């Protein structure tokens, strides 16, 4: 079993790496956003608790998010292991996660951080666009649709660029994320779980480096 956290600033390549990891190792990809939506749709007690905060325009407290994570990690589809996406974001959340994994007897196997310079990240994010129908992500330099103007995943023909991927917004977004990411890397470095990989390399090279780490665990 592989239980993994993938860290990295927006544009570092986490999405592409996650897809390849799931394909090869059959891990369950757990996104915080998906968890919230699923729990609220299913009206679980924790989902309703989270919805109460969100309906008032408030941030969901760490303790509630942690309960949601524990609920999701307790489900039977986590057979081969998991990749956590979007949690933890802070050291306080990392400590809550440690307690959760201790209770569930599902210790972390590894924490992989993909790193790239600010210039590379700004170029990548500014070139990113998405399918309006299914949300599939593309890049005008590195990941164009196979057929121009047609989404590979769903066949739709309408694309858009997220507001926070526009160049004027990206720089501030990266600075905010780095302030959260740096303490997390320190937290997991001290536990001997962190591996840093150069995310500026091509997707095949990045995945080969990730695969080298995971193959030693599996």
N, C-alpha and C. Protein backbone atom coordinates (compact mmCIF):
# COMPACT_ATOMS: atom_id res chain seq x y z
N UNK A 1 0.84 -1.20 0.00
CA UNK A 1 0.00 0.00 0.00
C UNK A 1 0.87 1.25 0.00
N UNK A 2 0.52 2.23 -0.84
CA UNK A 2 1.24 3.50 -0.91
C UNK A 2 0.29 4.62 -0.50
N UNK A 3 0.65 5.35 0.55
CA UNK A 3 -0.13 6.50 0.99
C UNK A 3 0.72 7.74 0.77
N UNK A 4 0.28 8.61 -0.14
CA UNK A 4 1.15 9.65 -0.67
C UNK A 4 0.52 11.03 -0.58
N UNK A 5 1.37 12.01 -0.27
CA UNK A 5 1.00 13.43 -0.43
C UNK A 5 1.90 13.99 -1.52
N UNK A 6 1.28 14.72 -2.47
CA UNK A 6 2.03 15.37 -3.54
C UNK A 6 1.94 16.87 -3.31
N UNK A 7 3.09 17.50 -3.06
CA UNK A 7 3.14 18.94 -2.83
C UNK A 7 3.70 19.65 -4.06
N UNK A 8 3.38 20.93 -4.18
CA UNK A 8 3.93 21.71 -5.28
C UNK A 8 3.07 22.93 -5.52
N UNK A 9 3.69 24.01 -5.96
CA UNK A 9 2.93 25.21 -6.27
C UNK A 9 2.09 25.00 -7.52
N UNK A 10 1.05 25.82 -7.71
CA UNK A 10 0.25 25.70 -8.93
C UNK A 10 1.15 25.78 -10.17
N UNK A 11 0.95 24.84 -11.09
CA UNK A 11 1.76 24.82 -12.31
C UNK A 11 2.99 23.94 -12.24
N UNK A 12 3.24 23.34 -11.07
CA UNK A 12 4.45 22.53 -10.91
C UNK A 12 4.31 21.14 -11.54
N UNK A 13 3.09 20.76 -11.90
CA UNK A 13 2.89 19.47 -12.58
C UNK A 13 2.24 18.40 -11.72
N UNK A 14 1.60 18.80 -10.62
CA UNK A 14 0.98 17.80 -9.74
C UNK A 14 -0.14 17.03 -10.44
N UNK A 15 -0.94 17.75 -11.22
CA UNK A 15 -2.07 17.10 -11.88
C UNK A 15 -1.64 16.01 -12.83
N UNK A 16 -0.65 16.31 -13.68
CA UNK A 16 -0.15 15.33 -14.64
C UNK A 16 0.49 14.15 -13.91
N UNK A 17 1.29 14.44 -12.90
CA UNK A 17 1.95 13.36 -12.14
C UNK A 17 0.92 12.49 -11.45
N UNK A 18 -0.12 13.11 -10.87
CA UNK A 18 -1.16 12.34 -10.17
C UNK A 18 -1.85 11.36 -11.11
N UNK A 19 -2.18 11.83 -12.32
CA UNK A 19 -2.85 10.95 -13.29
C UNK A 19 -2.00 9.72 -13.59
N UNK A 20 -0.71 9.93 -13.77
CA UNK A 20 0.18 8.80 -14.10
C UNK A 20 0.37 7.87 -12.91
N UNK A 21 0.43 8.43 -11.71
CA UNK A 21 0.57 7.60 -10.51
C UNK A 21 -0.67 6.72 -10.35
N UNK A 22 -1.84 7.31 -10.53
CA UNK A 22 -3.09 6.55 -10.40
C UNK A 22 -3.14 5.44 -11.43
N UNK A 23 -2.74 5.75 -12.67
CA UNK A 23 -2.76 4.74 -13.74
C UNK A 23 -1.86 3.55 -13.41
N UNK A 24 -0.66 3.84 -12.89
CA UNK A 24 0.29 2.75 -12.66
C UNK A 24 0.06 2.02 -11.34
N UNK A 25 -0.24 2.79 -10.29
CA UNK A 25 -0.30 2.18 -8.95
C UNK A 25 -1.73 2.00 -8.42
N UNK A 26 -2.71 2.47 -9.18
CA UNK A 26 -4.13 2.28 -8.83
C UNK A 26 -4.48 2.87 -7.46
N UNK A 27 -3.83 3.98 -7.13
CA UNK A 27 -4.15 4.65 -5.87
C UNK A 27 -5.46 5.42 -6.03
N UNK A 28 -6.13 5.67 -4.92
CA UNK A 28 -7.34 6.48 -4.93
C UNK A 28 -6.94 7.94 -4.81
N UNK A 29 -7.32 8.73 -5.80
CA UNK A 29 -6.99 10.16 -5.79
C UNK A 29 -8.06 10.90 -4.99
N UNK A 30 -7.63 11.54 -3.91
CA UNK A 30 -8.59 12.20 -3.02
C UNK A 30 -8.37 13.70 -3.05
N UNK A 31 -9.32 14.40 -3.67
CA UNK A 31 -9.28 15.86 -3.74
C UNK A 31 -10.18 16.43 -2.67
N UNK A 32 -9.68 17.42 -1.94
CA UNK A 32 -10.49 18.04 -0.89
C UNK A 32 -11.79 18.59 -1.45
N UNK A 33 -11.69 19.27 -2.61
CA UNK A 33 -12.90 19.83 -3.22
C UNK A 33 -13.93 18.77 -3.55
N UNK A 34 -13.48 17.65 -4.13
CA UNK A 34 -14.40 16.54 -4.44
C UNK A 34 -15.01 15.97 -3.18
N UNK A 35 -14.20 15.87 -2.11
CA UNK A 35 -14.70 15.34 -0.84
C UNK A 35 -15.83 16.18 -0.29
N UNK A 36 -15.64 17.49 -0.31
CA UNK A 36 -16.68 18.39 0.17
C UNK A 36 -17.96 18.21 -0.63
N UNK A 37 -17.83 18.22 -1.95
CA UNK A 37 -19.02 18.10 -2.81
C UNK A 37 -19.74 16.78 -2.58
N UNK A 38 -18.97 15.69 -2.48
CA UNK A 38 -19.56 14.37 -2.30
C UNK A 38 -20.27 14.25 -0.94
N UNK A 39 -19.60 14.74 0.11
CA UNK A 39 -20.17 14.65 1.46
C UNK A 39 -21.44 15.49 1.57
N UNK A 40 -21.44 16.66 0.93
CA UNK A 40 -22.64 17.51 0.98
C UNK A 40 -23.77 16.90 0.16
N UNK A 41 -23.42 16.33 -1.00
CA UNK A 41 -24.44 15.69 -1.84
C UNK A 41 -25.07 14.49 -1.14
N UNK A 42 -24.23 13.74 -0.40
CA UNK A 42 -24.73 12.56 0.32
C UNK A 42 -25.34 12.89 1.67
N UNK A 43 -25.23 14.18 2.06
CA UNK A 43 -25.79 14.68 3.32
C UNK A 43 -25.27 13.90 4.53
N UNK A 44 -23.97 13.60 4.50
CA UNK A 44 -23.36 12.97 5.67
C UNK A 44 -23.31 14.00 6.79
N UNK A 45 -23.22 13.56 8.05
CA UNK A 45 -23.17 14.54 9.15
C UNK A 45 -22.05 15.57 8.99
N UNK A 46 -20.87 15.11 8.57
CA UNK A 46 -19.75 16.04 8.41
C UNK A 46 -20.00 16.94 7.20
N UNK A 47 -20.58 16.39 6.15
CA UNK A 47 -20.90 17.19 4.97
C UNK A 47 -21.87 18.31 5.30
N UNK A 48 -22.89 18.01 6.10
CA UNK A 48 -23.86 19.02 6.51
C UNK A 48 -23.22 20.07 7.42
N UNK A 49 -22.29 19.62 8.26
CA UNK A 49 -21.57 20.55 9.14
C UNK A 49 -20.74 21.52 8.30
N UNK A 50 -20.04 20.98 7.30
CA UNK A 50 -19.23 21.83 6.42
C UNK A 50 -20.12 22.79 5.63
N UNK A 51 -21.24 22.29 5.16
CA UNK A 51 -22.17 23.11 4.37
C UNK A 51 -22.69 24.30 5.20
N UNK A 52 -22.89 24.07 6.49
CA UNK A 52 -23.36 25.14 7.36
C UNK A 52 -22.39 26.32 7.38
N UNK A 53 -21.10 26.03 7.39
CA UNK A 53 -20.09 27.11 7.36
C UNK A 53 -20.06 27.77 5.99
N UNK A 54 -20.08 26.94 4.93
CA UNK A 54 -19.96 27.48 3.57
C UNK A 54 -21.16 28.32 3.18
N UNK A 55 -22.36 27.92 3.63
CA UNK A 55 -23.57 28.67 3.30
C UNK A 55 -23.54 30.08 3.90
N UNK A 56 -22.79 30.23 5.00
CA UNK A 56 -22.67 31.55 5.63
C UNK A 56 -21.47 32.34 5.09
N UNK A 57 -20.78 31.74 4.11
CA UNK A 57 -19.62 32.41 3.53
C UNK A 57 -18.38 32.31 4.38
N UNK A 58 -18.37 31.38 5.33
CA UNK A 58 -17.23 31.22 6.22
C UNK A 58 -16.32 30.08 5.75
N UNK A 59 -15.04 30.17 6.10
CA UNK A 59 -14.12 29.07 5.84
C UNK A 59 -14.48 27.89 6.74
N UNK A 60 -14.33 26.70 6.19
CA UNK A 60 -14.59 25.50 6.99
C UNK A 60 -13.40 25.31 7.94
N UNK A 61 -13.63 25.20 9.26
CA UNK A 61 -12.51 25.03 10.21
C UNK A 61 -11.71 23.77 9.93
N UNK A 62 -10.43 23.81 10.31
CA UNK A 62 -9.55 22.66 10.10
C UNK A 62 -10.12 21.39 10.68
N UNK A 63 -10.72 21.49 11.87
CA UNK A 63 -11.22 20.30 12.55
C UNK A 63 -12.34 19.62 11.75
N UNK A 64 -13.17 20.43 11.09
CA UNK A 64 -14.26 19.88 10.28
C UNK A 64 -13.69 19.25 9.01
N UNK A 65 -12.75 19.95 8.37
CA UNK A 65 -12.10 19.40 7.19
C UNK A 65 -11.41 18.08 7.53
N UNK A 66 -10.76 18.03 8.69
CA UNK A 66 -10.08 16.81 9.12
C UNK A 66 -11.07 15.66 9.31
N UNK A 67 -12.23 15.97 9.86
CA UNK A 67 -13.26 14.92 10.03
C UNK A 67 -13.71 14.39 8.67
N UNK A 68 -13.80 15.31 7.71
CA UNK A 68 -14.19 14.92 6.35
C UNK A 68 -13.12 14.01 5.72
N UNK A 69 -11.85 14.37 5.92
CA UNK A 69 -10.74 13.56 5.41
C UNK A 69 -10.77 12.17 6.06
N UNK A 70 -10.99 12.13 7.36
CA UNK A 70 -11.02 10.83 8.05
C UNK A 70 -12.18 9.98 7.55
N UNK A 71 -13.32 10.61 7.33
CA UNK A 71 -14.48 9.89 6.79
C UNK A 71 -14.15 9.30 5.42
N UNK A 72 -13.48 10.09 4.58
CA UNK A 72 -13.16 9.62 3.22
C UNK A 72 -12.11 8.51 3.25
N UNK A 73 -11.09 8.68 4.10
CA UNK A 73 -10.02 7.67 4.17
C UNK A 73 -10.48 6.36 4.80
N UNK A 74 -11.65 6.39 5.43
CA UNK A 74 -12.19 5.18 6.06
C UNK A 74 -13.00 4.34 5.08
N UNK A 75 -13.24 4.86 3.88
CA UNK A 75 -14.10 4.16 2.93
C UNK A 75 -13.36 2.97 2.29
N UNK A 76 -14.12 1.96 1.87
CA UNK A 76 -13.51 0.69 1.44
C UNK A 76 -12.77 0.73 0.11
N UNK A 77 -12.92 1.82 -0.67
CA UNK A 77 -12.25 1.84 -1.98
C UNK A 77 -10.75 2.14 -1.87
N UNK A 78 -10.27 2.47 -0.67
CA UNK A 78 -8.84 2.75 -0.50
C UNK A 78 -8.14 1.42 -0.26
N UNK A 79 -7.89 0.71 -1.34
CA UNK A 79 -7.32 -0.63 -1.25
C UNK A 79 -5.80 -0.58 -1.46
N UNK A 80 -5.39 0.05 -2.56
CA UNK A 80 -3.96 0.11 -2.89
C UNK A 80 -3.26 1.28 -2.22
N UNK A 81 -4.05 2.23 -1.69
CA UNK A 81 -3.49 3.43 -1.07
C UNK A 81 -4.14 4.67 -1.66
N UNK A 82 -3.58 5.84 -1.34
CA UNK A 82 -4.21 7.09 -1.76
C UNK A 82 -3.17 8.16 -2.10
N UNK A 83 -3.62 9.13 -2.90
CA UNK A 83 -2.90 10.40 -3.08
C UNK A 83 -3.80 11.49 -2.52
N UNK A 84 -3.30 12.25 -1.58
CA UNK A 84 -4.07 13.37 -1.03
C UNK A 84 -3.76 14.65 -1.81
N UNK A 85 -4.80 15.32 -2.26
CA UNK A 85 -4.67 16.52 -3.08
C UNK A 85 -5.44 17.66 -2.40
N UNK A 86 -4.71 18.68 -1.94
CA UNK A 86 -5.36 19.82 -1.33
C UNK A 86 -5.43 19.77 0.19
N UNK A 87 -4.93 18.72 0.77
CA UNK A 87 -4.87 18.58 2.23
C UNK A 87 -3.68 17.69 2.55
N UNK A 88 -2.82 18.10 3.48
CA UNK A 88 -2.88 19.33 4.27
C UNK A 88 -2.31 20.52 3.51
N UNK A 89 -2.74 21.72 3.92
CA UNK A 89 -2.21 22.97 3.37
C UNK A 89 -1.36 23.72 4.38
N UNK A 90 -1.50 23.36 5.65
CA UNK A 90 -0.74 24.03 6.72
C UNK A 90 -0.17 22.97 7.66
N UNK A 91 0.78 23.37 8.49
CA UNK A 91 1.34 22.41 9.45
C UNK A 91 0.30 21.99 10.47
N UNK A 92 -0.63 22.88 10.81
CA UNK A 92 -1.71 22.50 11.74
C UNK A 92 -2.53 21.38 11.13
N UNK A 93 -2.83 21.48 9.84
CA UNK A 93 -3.57 20.41 9.16
C UNK A 93 -2.73 19.14 9.06
N UNK A 94 -1.43 19.30 8.86
CA UNK A 94 -0.54 18.14 8.78
C UNK A 94 -0.54 17.37 10.09
N UNK A 95 -0.58 18.09 11.20
CA UNK A 95 -0.62 17.43 12.50
C UNK A 95 -1.94 16.69 12.70
N UNK A 96 -3.04 17.31 12.26
CA UNK A 96 -4.34 16.63 12.33
C UNK A 96 -4.33 15.37 11.46
N UNK A 97 -3.71 15.48 10.27
CA UNK A 97 -3.63 14.32 9.38
C UNK A 97 -2.82 13.19 10.02
N UNK A 98 -1.73 13.52 10.68
CA UNK A 98 -0.93 12.50 11.37
C UNK A 98 -1.78 11.73 12.37
N UNK A 99 -2.60 12.45 13.13
CA UNK A 99 -3.48 11.80 14.12
C UNK A 99 -4.49 10.89 13.43
N UNK A 100 -5.06 11.37 12.31
CA UNK A 100 -6.05 10.58 11.56
C UNK A 100 -5.42 9.28 11.07
N UNK A 101 -4.25 9.38 10.45
CA UNK A 101 -3.60 8.20 9.88
C UNK A 101 -3.16 7.22 10.96
N UNK A 102 -2.81 7.75 12.13
CA UNK A 102 -2.49 6.86 13.27
C UNK A 102 -3.73 6.07 13.68
N UNK A 103 -4.87 6.76 13.77
CA UNK A 103 -6.11 6.08 14.17
C UNK A 103 -6.52 5.02 13.16
N UNK A 104 -6.32 5.33 11.87
CA UNK A 104 -6.74 4.41 10.81
C UNK A 104 -5.69 3.36 10.49
N UNK A 105 -4.52 3.49 11.13
CA UNK A 105 -3.39 2.60 10.84
C UNK A 105 -3.04 2.62 9.35
N UNK A 106 -2.97 3.83 8.80
CA UNK A 106 -2.59 4.03 7.39
C UNK A 106 -1.48 5.07 7.32
N UNK A 107 -0.27 4.71 7.74
CA UNK A 107 0.80 5.71 7.81
C UNK A 107 1.19 6.23 6.42
N UNK A 108 1.67 7.46 6.39
CA UNK A 108 2.17 8.02 5.13
C UNK A 108 3.38 7.24 4.65
N UNK A 109 3.41 6.95 3.36
CA UNK A 109 4.57 6.28 2.76
C UNK A 109 5.61 7.29 2.31
N UNK A 110 5.12 8.41 1.73
CA UNK A 110 6.05 9.37 1.13
C UNK A 110 5.35 10.70 0.92
N UNK A 111 6.14 11.76 0.89
CA UNK A 111 5.68 13.09 0.50
C UNK A 111 6.61 13.56 -0.60
N UNK A 112 6.05 13.81 -1.78
CA UNK A 112 6.86 14.23 -2.92
C UNK A 112 6.51 15.67 -3.25
N UNK A 113 7.54 16.51 -3.33
CA UNK A 113 7.35 17.92 -3.67
C UNK A 113 7.92 18.19 -5.06
N UNK A 114 7.09 18.69 -5.96
CA UNK A 114 7.54 19.10 -7.29
C UNK A 114 7.87 20.59 -7.24
N UNK A 115 9.07 20.95 -7.67
CA UNK A 115 9.51 22.34 -7.56
C UNK A 115 9.88 22.92 -8.92
N UNK A 116 9.59 24.20 -9.09
CA UNK A 116 9.95 24.92 -10.31
C UNK A 116 10.10 26.40 -9.95
N UNK A 117 10.86 27.13 -10.76
CA UNK A 117 11.08 28.55 -10.49
C UNK A 117 9.80 29.34 -10.76
N UNK A 118 9.75 30.52 -10.16
CA UNK A 118 8.57 31.38 -10.34
C UNK A 118 8.35 31.69 -11.82
N UNK A 119 9.43 31.96 -12.55
CA UNK A 119 9.30 32.31 -13.98
C UNK A 119 8.65 31.17 -14.76
N UNK A 120 9.10 29.94 -14.52
CA UNK A 120 8.53 28.78 -15.21
C UNK A 120 7.06 28.61 -14.84
N UNK A 121 6.74 28.74 -13.56
CA UNK A 121 5.36 28.55 -13.11
C UNK A 121 4.43 29.61 -13.72
N UNK A 122 4.90 30.86 -13.76
CA UNK A 122 4.07 31.93 -14.35
C UNK A 122 3.82 31.64 -15.83
N UNK A 123 4.86 31.21 -16.55
CA UNK A 123 4.69 30.89 -17.97
C UNK A 123 3.70 29.75 -18.17
N UNK A 124 3.83 28.72 -17.33
CA UNK A 124 2.94 27.56 -17.46
C UNK A 124 1.49 27.92 -17.15
N UNK A 125 1.28 28.61 -16.04
CA UNK A 125 -0.08 28.92 -15.62
C UNK A 125 -0.76 29.88 -16.59
N UNK A 126 0.01 30.83 -17.10
CA UNK A 126 -0.56 31.80 -18.04
C UNK A 126 -0.95 31.14 -19.36
N UNK A 127 -0.35 30.00 -19.64
CA UNK A 127 -0.64 29.27 -20.89
C UNK A 127 -1.72 28.21 -20.70
N UNK A 128 -2.23 28.09 -19.49
CA UNK A 128 -3.18 27.01 -19.19
C UNK A 128 -4.61 27.40 -19.57
N UNK A 129 -5.35 26.45 -20.12
CA UNK A 129 -6.77 26.68 -20.40
C UNK A 129 -7.53 25.38 -20.14
N UNK A 130 -8.84 25.50 -19.98
CA UNK A 130 -9.63 24.36 -19.53
C UNK A 130 -10.86 24.17 -20.42
N UNK A 131 -11.33 22.94 -20.46
CA UNK A 131 -12.59 22.63 -21.15
C UNK A 131 -13.75 23.12 -20.28
N UNK A 132 -14.64 23.90 -20.89
CA UNK A 132 -15.76 24.45 -20.13
C UNK A 132 -16.76 23.36 -19.74
N UNK A 133 -16.78 22.27 -20.51
CA UNK A 133 -17.75 21.19 -20.27
C UNK A 133 -17.32 20.27 -19.13
N UNK A 134 -16.07 19.76 -19.17
CA UNK A 134 -15.67 18.73 -18.19
C UNK A 134 -14.53 19.16 -17.28
N UNK A 135 -13.90 20.31 -17.55
CA UNK A 135 -12.83 20.80 -16.68
C UNK A 135 -11.45 20.25 -16.99
N UNK A 136 -11.31 19.47 -18.07
CA UNK A 136 -9.99 18.95 -18.44
C UNK A 136 -9.03 20.12 -18.69
N UNK A 137 -7.78 19.96 -18.24
CA UNK A 137 -6.80 21.05 -18.29
C UNK A 137 -5.81 20.85 -19.44
N UNK A 138 -5.53 21.93 -20.15
CA UNK A 138 -4.58 21.90 -21.26
C UNK A 138 -3.58 23.05 -21.11
N UNK A 139 -2.55 23.03 -21.95
CA UNK A 139 -1.54 24.09 -21.95
C UNK A 139 -1.14 24.34 -23.40
N UNK A 140 -1.13 25.61 -23.80
CA UNK A 140 -0.88 25.90 -25.22
C UNK A 140 0.53 25.57 -25.67
N UNK A 141 1.44 25.33 -24.70
CA UNK A 141 2.81 24.95 -25.05
C UNK A 141 3.07 23.46 -24.88
N UNK A 142 2.58 22.89 -23.78
CA UNK A 142 3.00 21.54 -23.41
C UNK A 142 1.91 20.47 -23.49
N UNK A 143 0.63 20.88 -23.55
CA UNK A 143 -0.43 19.87 -23.53
C UNK A 143 -1.64 20.38 -24.31
N UNK A 144 -1.48 20.44 -25.64
CA UNK A 144 -2.60 20.86 -26.48
C UNK A 144 -3.56 19.69 -26.69
N UNK A 145 -4.83 19.97 -26.97
CA UNK A 145 -5.75 18.88 -27.34
C UNK A 145 -5.22 18.16 -28.58
N UNK A 146 -5.46 16.84 -28.65
CA UNK A 146 -4.98 16.07 -29.81
C UNK A 146 -5.55 16.61 -31.11
N UNK A 147 -6.84 17.00 -31.07
CA UNK A 147 -7.47 17.66 -32.21
C UNK A 147 -7.76 19.09 -31.80
N UNK A 148 -7.19 20.05 -32.54
CA UNK A 148 -7.32 21.45 -32.16
C UNK A 148 -8.79 21.85 -31.99
N UNK A 149 -9.09 22.47 -30.85
CA UNK A 149 -10.44 22.96 -30.61
C UNK A 149 -11.41 21.92 -30.09
N UNK A 150 -10.91 20.70 -29.82
CA UNK A 150 -11.78 19.62 -29.34
C UNK A 150 -11.19 18.98 -28.09
N UNK A 151 -11.97 18.90 -27.04
CA UNK A 151 -11.48 18.31 -25.79
C UNK A 151 -11.23 16.82 -25.95
N UNK A 152 -10.06 16.37 -25.52
CA UNK A 152 -9.71 14.95 -25.61
C UNK A 152 -10.67 14.09 -24.78
N UNK A 153 -11.09 14.63 -23.64
CA UNK A 153 -11.86 13.83 -22.69
C UNK A 153 -13.33 13.71 -23.06
N UNK A 154 -13.97 14.85 -23.40
CA UNK A 154 -15.42 14.80 -23.59
C UNK A 154 -15.88 15.23 -24.99
N UNK A 155 -14.95 15.74 -25.81
CA UNK A 155 -15.31 16.09 -27.18
C UNK A 155 -15.94 17.47 -27.34
N UNK A 156 -16.04 18.22 -26.25
CA UNK A 156 -16.62 19.57 -26.34
C UNK A 156 -15.66 20.51 -27.07
N UNK A 157 -16.18 21.68 -27.44
CA UNK A 157 -15.39 22.61 -28.25
C UNK A 157 -15.24 23.99 -27.60
N UNK A 158 -15.62 24.11 -26.33
CA UNK A 158 -15.57 25.41 -25.66
C UNK A 158 -14.52 25.38 -24.55
N UNK A 159 -13.58 26.32 -24.62
CA UNK A 159 -12.50 26.38 -23.63
C UNK A 159 -12.48 27.76 -22.97
N UNK A 160 -11.84 27.84 -21.81
CA UNK A 160 -11.73 29.12 -21.12
C UNK A 160 -10.47 29.14 -20.27
N UNK A 161 -10.08 30.34 -19.85
CA UNK A 161 -8.94 30.47 -18.93
C UNK A 161 -9.46 30.95 -17.58
N UNK A 162 -9.07 30.25 -16.52
CA UNK A 162 -9.49 30.65 -15.18
C UNK A 162 -8.95 32.03 -14.86
N UNK A 163 -9.72 32.79 -14.09
CA UNK A 163 -9.28 34.14 -13.70
C UNK A 163 -7.93 34.10 -12.99
N UNK A 164 -7.75 33.07 -12.12
CA UNK A 164 -6.50 33.04 -11.35
C UNK A 164 -5.33 32.45 -12.13
N UNK A 165 -5.54 32.13 -13.42
CA UNK A 165 -4.43 31.73 -14.28
C UNK A 165 -3.96 32.88 -15.18
N UNK A 166 -4.58 34.04 -15.05
CA UNK A 166 -4.17 35.18 -15.85
C UNK A 166 -2.89 35.77 -15.26
N UNK A 167 -1.96 36.20 -16.12
CA UNK A 167 -0.61 36.60 -15.65
C UNK A 167 -0.60 37.56 -14.48
N UNK A 168 -1.53 38.53 -14.50
CA UNK A 168 -1.52 39.55 -13.45
C UNK A 168 -1.90 38.99 -12.08
N UNK A 169 -2.57 37.84 -12.08
CA UNK A 169 -3.02 37.24 -10.82
C UNK A 169 -2.04 36.17 -10.34
N UNK A 170 -1.36 35.54 -11.30
CA UNK A 170 -0.54 34.36 -11.00
C UNK A 170 0.56 34.64 -9.98
N UNK A 171 1.27 35.75 -10.14
CA UNK A 171 2.42 36.04 -9.26
C UNK A 171 2.01 36.09 -7.80
N UNK A 172 0.93 36.80 -7.50
CA UNK A 172 0.46 36.89 -6.11
C UNK A 172 0.00 35.53 -5.61
N UNK A 173 -0.66 34.79 -6.48
CA UNK A 173 -1.15 33.45 -6.11
C UNK A 173 0.01 32.53 -5.73
N UNK A 174 1.10 32.61 -6.48
CA UNK A 174 2.28 31.79 -6.19
C UNK A 174 2.90 32.17 -4.85
N UNK A 175 2.97 33.47 -4.58
CA UNK A 175 3.57 33.93 -3.31
C UNK A 175 2.76 33.43 -2.12
N UNK A 176 1.43 33.49 -2.23
CA UNK A 176 0.56 33.02 -1.15
C UNK A 176 0.76 31.52 -0.92
N UNK A 177 0.79 30.76 -2.02
CA UNK A 177 0.95 29.31 -1.92
C UNK A 177 2.31 28.92 -1.37
N UNK A 178 3.36 29.65 -1.74
CA UNK A 178 4.71 29.32 -1.26
C UNK A 178 4.81 29.50 0.25
N UNK A 179 4.12 30.52 0.77
CA UNK A 179 4.13 30.74 2.23
C UNK A 179 3.53 29.55 2.97
N UNK A 180 2.55 28.89 2.35
CA UNK A 180 1.94 27.71 2.97
C UNK A 180 2.79 26.46 2.74
N UNK A 181 3.38 26.37 1.54
CA UNK A 181 4.10 25.16 1.14
C UNK A 181 5.42 24.96 1.90
N UNK A 182 6.15 26.06 2.12
CA UNK A 182 7.49 25.95 2.72
C UNK A 182 7.46 25.29 4.10
N UNK A 183 6.59 25.71 5.03
CA UNK A 183 6.55 25.05 6.34
C UNK A 183 6.13 23.58 6.25
N UNK A 184 5.27 23.25 5.29
CA UNK A 184 4.86 21.85 5.11
C UNK A 184 6.04 20.98 4.70
N UNK A 185 6.86 21.51 3.78
CA UNK A 185 8.04 20.76 3.35
C UNK A 185 8.99 20.54 4.53
N UNK A 186 9.16 21.57 5.34
CA UNK A 186 10.01 21.43 6.54
C UNK A 186 9.45 20.36 7.48
N UNK A 187 8.13 20.37 7.67
CA UNK A 187 7.45 19.44 8.56
C UNK A 187 7.75 17.99 8.15
N UNK A 188 7.60 17.72 6.84
CA UNK A 188 7.80 16.35 6.37
C UNK A 188 9.27 15.99 6.16
N UNK A 189 10.10 17.01 5.94
CA UNK A 189 11.54 16.77 5.86
C UNK A 189 12.05 16.23 7.19
N UNK A 190 11.57 16.83 8.28
CA UNK A 190 12.00 16.41 9.62
C UNK A 190 11.56 14.98 9.93
N UNK A 191 10.51 14.53 9.27
CA UNK A 191 10.04 13.16 9.47
C UNK A 191 10.71 12.16 8.53
N UNK A 192 11.57 12.67 7.65
CA UNK A 192 12.27 11.79 6.71
C UNK A 192 11.39 11.28 5.59
N UNK A 193 10.27 11.98 5.31
CA UNK A 193 9.32 11.51 4.31
C UNK A 193 9.42 12.27 2.98
N UNK A 194 10.15 13.39 2.97
CA UNK A 194 10.11 14.29 1.81
C UNK A 194 11.14 13.95 0.75
N UNK A 195 10.68 13.92 -0.50
CA UNK A 195 11.57 13.87 -1.67
C UNK A 195 11.23 15.05 -2.56
N UNK A 196 12.23 15.82 -2.94
CA UNK A 196 12.02 16.97 -3.83
C UNK A 196 12.43 16.59 -5.25
N UNK A 197 11.56 16.88 -6.21
CA UNK A 197 11.81 16.54 -7.61
C UNK A 197 11.69 17.81 -8.45
N UNK A 198 12.59 17.97 -9.41
CA UNK A 198 12.58 19.12 -10.30
C UNK A 198 11.39 19.04 -11.26
N UNK A 199 10.38 19.87 -11.02
CA UNK A 199 9.17 19.85 -11.84
C UNK A 199 9.31 20.59 -13.16
N UNK A 200 10.49 21.18 -13.41
CA UNK A 200 10.70 21.89 -14.68
C UNK A 200 11.02 20.93 -15.82
N UNK A 201 11.31 19.70 -15.48
CA UNK A 201 11.62 18.70 -16.51
C UNK A 201 10.34 18.28 -17.22
N UNK A 202 10.49 17.58 -18.33
CA UNK A 202 9.31 17.11 -19.06
C UNK A 202 8.51 16.12 -18.23
N UNK A 203 7.21 15.93 -18.54
CA UNK A 203 6.35 15.03 -17.77
C UNK A 203 6.90 13.61 -17.65
N UNK A 204 7.53 13.10 -18.71
CA UNK A 204 8.07 11.73 -18.67
C UNK A 204 9.23 11.63 -17.68
N UNK A 205 10.08 12.66 -17.67
CA UNK A 205 11.24 12.66 -16.77
C UNK A 205 10.77 12.81 -15.32
N UNK A 206 9.79 13.70 -15.11
CA UNK A 206 9.25 13.90 -13.76
C UNK A 206 8.63 12.60 -13.25
N UNK A 207 7.83 11.96 -14.09
CA UNK A 207 7.19 10.73 -13.62
C UNK A 207 8.21 9.63 -13.36
N UNK A 208 9.26 9.56 -14.17
CA UNK A 208 10.31 8.55 -13.92
C UNK A 208 10.92 8.75 -12.54
N UNK A 209 11.12 10.02 -12.15
CA UNK A 209 11.68 10.31 -10.82
C UNK A 209 10.69 9.94 -9.72
N UNK A 210 9.41 10.26 -9.94
CA UNK A 210 8.37 9.88 -8.97
C UNK A 210 8.27 8.37 -8.86
N UNK A 211 8.29 7.71 -10.00
CA UNK A 211 8.18 6.25 -10.06
C UNK A 211 9.34 5.59 -9.31
N UNK A 212 10.53 6.18 -9.42
CA UNK A 212 11.71 5.64 -8.73
C UNK A 212 11.49 5.66 -7.22
N UNK A 213 10.82 6.71 -6.71
CA UNK A 213 10.52 6.80 -5.28
C UNK A 213 9.46 5.77 -4.89
N UNK A 214 8.38 5.72 -5.65
CA UNK A 214 7.25 4.85 -5.29
C UNK A 214 7.57 3.36 -5.46
N UNK A 215 8.38 3.04 -6.45
CA UNK A 215 8.68 1.61 -6.69
C UNK A 215 9.45 1.00 -5.54
N UNK A 216 10.14 1.83 -4.77
CA UNK A 216 10.85 1.31 -3.60
C UNK A 216 9.91 1.00 -2.45
N UNK A 217 8.75 1.66 -2.47
CA UNK A 217 7.76 1.46 -1.40
C UNK A 217 6.91 0.24 -1.71
N UNK A 218 6.50 0.18 -2.98
CA UNK A 218 5.48 -0.80 -3.35
C UNK A 218 6.00 -2.23 -3.20
